Amino acid sequence: MERHEILSPEINWPDLVRHVAEDQVVVELADGQVALARLVPIHKPKSFSDLDKALRKLPPLGDDAECFEADVQEIRSSMKPLDDPWES
């Protein structure tokens, strides 16, 4: 965690806030030895587009692909259909 003195003339507040948001760091603001506040980044919700990008970055299964497919098919065939698709 970074620590910054609130009275420091070197602090550029807009740049500090951008730093927290973009670099996902927590910054503690202090007056001398006394901590007064923290700037904490807001975690942005993930979208299906983010999921797609993450899945595309995964390495291929290679030799395990056929075994994995067989396991998935076995699990699917062992599941009974739900009356209500929203029911869990």
Protein backbone atom coordinates (compact mmCIF):
# COMPACT_ATOMS: atom_id res chain seq x y z
CA MET A 1 0.00 0.00 0.00
CA GLU A 2 1.31 3.41 -0.91
CA ARG A 3 1.21 6.25 1.58
CA HIS A 4 1.02 9.95 0.73
CA GLU A 5 1.08 13.03 2.92
CA ILE A 6 -2.03 15.12 2.27
CA LEU A 7 -0.18 18.40 2.74
CA SER A 8 2.62 17.52 0.33
CA PRO A 9 2.82 20.14 -2.43
CA GLU A 10 4.00 17.46 -4.87
CA ILE A 11 0.66 15.63 -4.87
CA ASN A 12 -1.21 16.01 -8.12
CA TRP A 13 -4.66 14.86 -7.00
CA PRO A 14 -6.12 14.04 -10.44
CA ASP A 15 -3.01 11.99 -11.33
CA LEU A 16 -3.15 10.20 -7.97
CA VAL A 17 -6.79 9.23 -8.48
CA ARG A 18 -6.03 8.03 -12.03
CA HIS A 19 -3.09 6.00 -10.66
CA VAL A 20 -5.37 4.29 -8.12
CA ALA A 21 -8.03 3.51 -10.74
CA GLU A 22 -5.77 2.39 -13.59
CA ASP A 23 -3.11 0.52 -11.60
CA GLN A 24 -5.59 -0.93 -9.07
CA VAL A 25 -3.54 0.15 -6.05
CA VAL A 26 -4.65 1.34 -2.62
CA VAL A 27 -3.26 4.65 -1.42
CA GLU A 28 -3.34 5.69 2.21
CA LEU A 29 -3.56 9.41 2.87
CA ALA A 30 -1.88 10.65 6.03
CA ASP A 31 -1.25 13.77 8.04
CA GLY A 32 2.14 13.08 9.57
CA GLN A 33 1.98 9.67 11.25
CA VAL A 34 -1.83 9.68 11.39
CA ALA A 35 -3.66 7.84 8.62
CA LEU A 36 -6.76 9.78 7.59
CA ALA A 37 -8.25 8.02 4.59
CA ARG A 38 -7.67 5.55 1.79
CA LEU A 39 -8.20 5.79 -1.93
CA VAL A 40 -9.40 2.38 -3.11
CA PRO A 41 -10.08 1.42 -6.73
CA ILE A 42 -13.57 0.38 -7.72
CA HIS A 43 -13.52 -3.06 -9.30
CA LYS A 44 -15.32 -2.91 -12.59
CA PRO A 45 -17.80 -5.70 -13.29
CA LYS A 46 -16.74 -8.23 -15.90
CA SER A 47 -18.69 -8.72 -19.12
CA PHE A 48 -19.16 -11.69 -21.42
CA SER A 49 -16.69 -10.00 -23.73
CA ASP A 50 -14.08 -10.16 -20.94
CA LEU A 51 -14.89 -13.85 -20.46
CA ASP A 52 -14.47 -14.49 -24.18
CA LYS A 53 -11.07 -12.76 -24.18
CA ALA A 54 -9.92 -14.74 -21.13
CA LEU A 55 -11.03 -18.06 -22.63
CA ARG A 56 -9.25 -17.32 -25.89
CA LYS A 57 -5.99 -16.77 -23.97
CA LEU A 58 -6.11 -20.25 -22.43
CA PRO A 59 -3.71 -22.81 -23.89
CA PRO A 60 -5.23 -25.58 -26.00
CA LEU A 61 -5.96 -28.90 -24.29
CA GLY A 62 -3.73 -30.90 -26.60
CA ASP A 63 -3.63 -34.59 -25.70
CA ASP A 64 -6.22 -34.09 -22.95
CA ALA A 65 -8.92 -32.81 -25.33
CA GLU A 66 -10.45 -36.21 -26.12
CA CYS A 67 -10.53 -37.28 -22.47
CA PHE A 68 -12.05 -33.96 -21.47
CA GLU A 69 -14.74 -34.26 -24.16
CA ALA A 70 -15.58 -37.79 -23.02
CA ASP A 71 -15.87 -36.61 -19.39
CA VAL A 72 -18.18 -33.75 -20.40
CA GLN A 73 -20.37 -36.06 -22.49
CA GLU A 74 -20.57 -38.58 -19.62
CA ILE A 75 -21.61 -35.88 -17.16
CA ARG A 76 -24.21 -34.48 -19.56
CA SER A 77 -25.74 -37.91 -20.15
CA SER A 78 -25.93 -38.62 -16.41
CA MET A 79 -27.91 -35.44 -15.69
CA LYS A 80 -31.68 -35.57 -15.77
CA PRO A 81 -33.43 -32.79 -17.68
CA LEU A 82 -34.93 -30.05 -15.56
CA ASP A 83 -38.62 -29.23 -15.83
CA ASP A 84 -37.83 -25.58 -15.34
CA PRO A 85 -34.54 -24.45 -16.93
CA TRP A 86 -34.25 -21.70 -14.31
CA GLU A 87 -34.61 -24.16 -11.45
CA SER A 88 -31.35 -25.26 -9.87
